[in-house]
Amino acid sequence: MITVLVLTQFVFLILGTIFLKGMVNANGDISSSLYFQLLDKYWLWLFLLPLAGVAYTLLSYQINKRPFSLTAARVVGAVISGFCLLVFVSVLFFPSA
């Protein structure tokens, strides 16, 4: 389950990054969109989210108490996957103006 979530997160982030860089190179000027400027500048930091999710999940498997329960780890993984999907979709469909 952990592997599937992490791979899904990385696939969404990689596809989003490829589309973002393609849009930036095609347009050349992204000064009209603060969102694209932010993503273009800090895109590499987004790849730390899946790694933080894996660390939390592995810690949850070791401790398995209230804040680190297995259910919470699944929810955190699903939320991170949803966020990665949101970044991917927003790059595709976000208006540039």
Protein backbone atom coordinates (compact mmCIF):
# COMPACT_ATOMS: atom_id res chain seq x y z
CA MET A 1 0.00 0.00 0.00
CA ILE A 2 2.82 2.41 0.85
CA THR A 3 4.61 1.70 -2.39
CA VAL A 4 1.50 2.31 -4.48
CA LEU A 5 0.78 5.64 -2.80
CA VAL A 6 4.35 6.87 -3.10
CA LEU A 7 4.63 5.84 -6.74
CA THR A 8 1.32 7.56 -7.48
CA GLN A 9 2.53 10.73 -5.80
CA PHE A 10 5.82 10.72 -7.70
CA VAL A 11 4.08 10.06 -11.04
CA PHE A 12 1.72 12.99 -10.51
CA LEU A 13 4.58 15.28 -9.51
CA ILE A 14 6.80 14.19 -12.41
CA LEU A 15 4.01 14.69 -14.96
CA GLY A 16 3.11 18.05 -13.44
CA THR A 17 6.75 19.14 -13.56
CA ILE A 18 7.12 18.05 -17.19
CA PHE A 19 4.01 19.98 -18.20
CA LEU A 20 5.07 23.01 -16.14
CA LYS A 21 8.52 23.16 -17.69
CA GLY A 22 6.99 22.67 -21.14
CA MET A 23 4.61 25.58 -20.59
CA VAL A 24 7.37 27.79 -19.24
CA ASN A 25 9.65 27.00 -22.19
CA ALA A 26 6.83 27.45 -24.71
CA ASN A 27 5.64 30.78 -23.31
CA GLY A 28 8.95 32.18 -22.16
CA ASP A 29 7.21 34.81 -20.04
CA ILE A 30 5.20 33.63 -17.05
CA SER A 31 5.16 36.97 -15.26
CA SER A 32 1.36 37.17 -15.55
CA SER A 33 0.84 34.15 -13.29
CA LEU A 34 2.23 34.22 -9.76
CA TYR A 35 1.22 30.56 -9.37
CA PHE A 36 3.40 29.43 -12.28
CA GLN A 37 6.27 31.57 -11.02
CA LEU A 38 6.01 29.95 -7.60
CA LEU A 39 5.85 26.43 -9.04
CA ASP A 40 8.70 27.13 -11.46
CA LYS A 41 10.91 28.39 -8.66
CA TYR A 42 10.11 25.77 -5.98
CA TRP A 43 9.10 22.68 -8.01
CA LEU A 44 11.90 20.53 -6.60
CA TRP A 45 10.71 21.00 -3.01
CA LEU A 46 7.39 19.31 -3.85
CA PHE A 47 9.23 16.01 -4.17
CA LEU A 48 9.90 16.08 -0.41
CA LEU A 49 6.17 15.58 0.30
CA PRO A 50 6.07 11.89 -0.70
CA LEU A 51 9.28 11.26 1.21
CA ALA A 52 7.81 12.87 4.33
CA GLY A 53 4.70 10.74 3.89
CA VAL A 54 6.81 7.57 3.70
CA ALA A 55 8.74 8.57 6.81
CA TYR A 56 5.47 9.18 8.67
CA THR A 57 4.05 5.85 7.51
CA LEU A 58 7.13 3.87 8.48
CA LEU A 59 7.13 5.59 11.85
CA SER A 60 3.45 4.70 12.22
CA TYR A 61 4.20 1.04 11.59
CA GLN A 62 6.83 1.13 14.34
CA ILE A 63 4.90 3.08 17.01
CA ASN A 64 1.23 2.38 16.17
CA LYS A 65 -0.17 4.68 18.88
CA ARG A 66 -2.58 7.63 18.81
CA PRO A 67 -0.95 10.26 16.53
CA PHE A 68 0.94 7.59 14.58
CA SER A 69 -1.82 5.06 13.95
CA LEU A 70 -2.02 3.08 10.73
CA THR A 71 -5.34 4.70 9.84
CA ALA A 72 -3.81 8.15 10.19
CA ALA A 73 -0.89 7.06 7.99
CA ARG A 74 -3.31 5.96 5.27
CA VAL A 75 -5.18 9.25 5.50
CA VAL A 76 -1.94 11.24 5.31
CA GLY A 77 -0.86 9.23 2.26
CA ALA A 78 -4.19 9.79 0.54
CA VAL A 79 -4.09 13.53 1.31
CA ILE A 80 -0.57 13.83 -0.09
CA SER A 81 -1.63 11.91 -3.21
CA GLY A 82 -4.61 14.24 -3.59
CA PHE A 83 -2.36 17.26 -3.25
CA CYS A 84 0.03 15.89 -5.88
CA LEU A 85 -2.92 15.26 -8.19
CA LEU A 86 -4.14 18.80 -7.56
CA VAL A 87 -0.74 20.22 -8.51
CA PHE A 88 -0.70 18.11 -11.69
CA VAL A 89 -4.23 19.11 -12.71
CA SER A 90 -3.70 22.77 -11.83
CA VAL A 91 -0.68 22.97 -14.10
CA LEU A 92 -2.73 21.54 -16.95
CA PHE A 93 -5.87 23.62 -16.51
CA PHE A 94 -4.87 26.75 -14.57
CA PRO A 95 -5.44 29.90 -16.58
CA SER A 96 -2.23 31.79 -17.17
CA ALA A 97 -3.77 35.26 -17.08
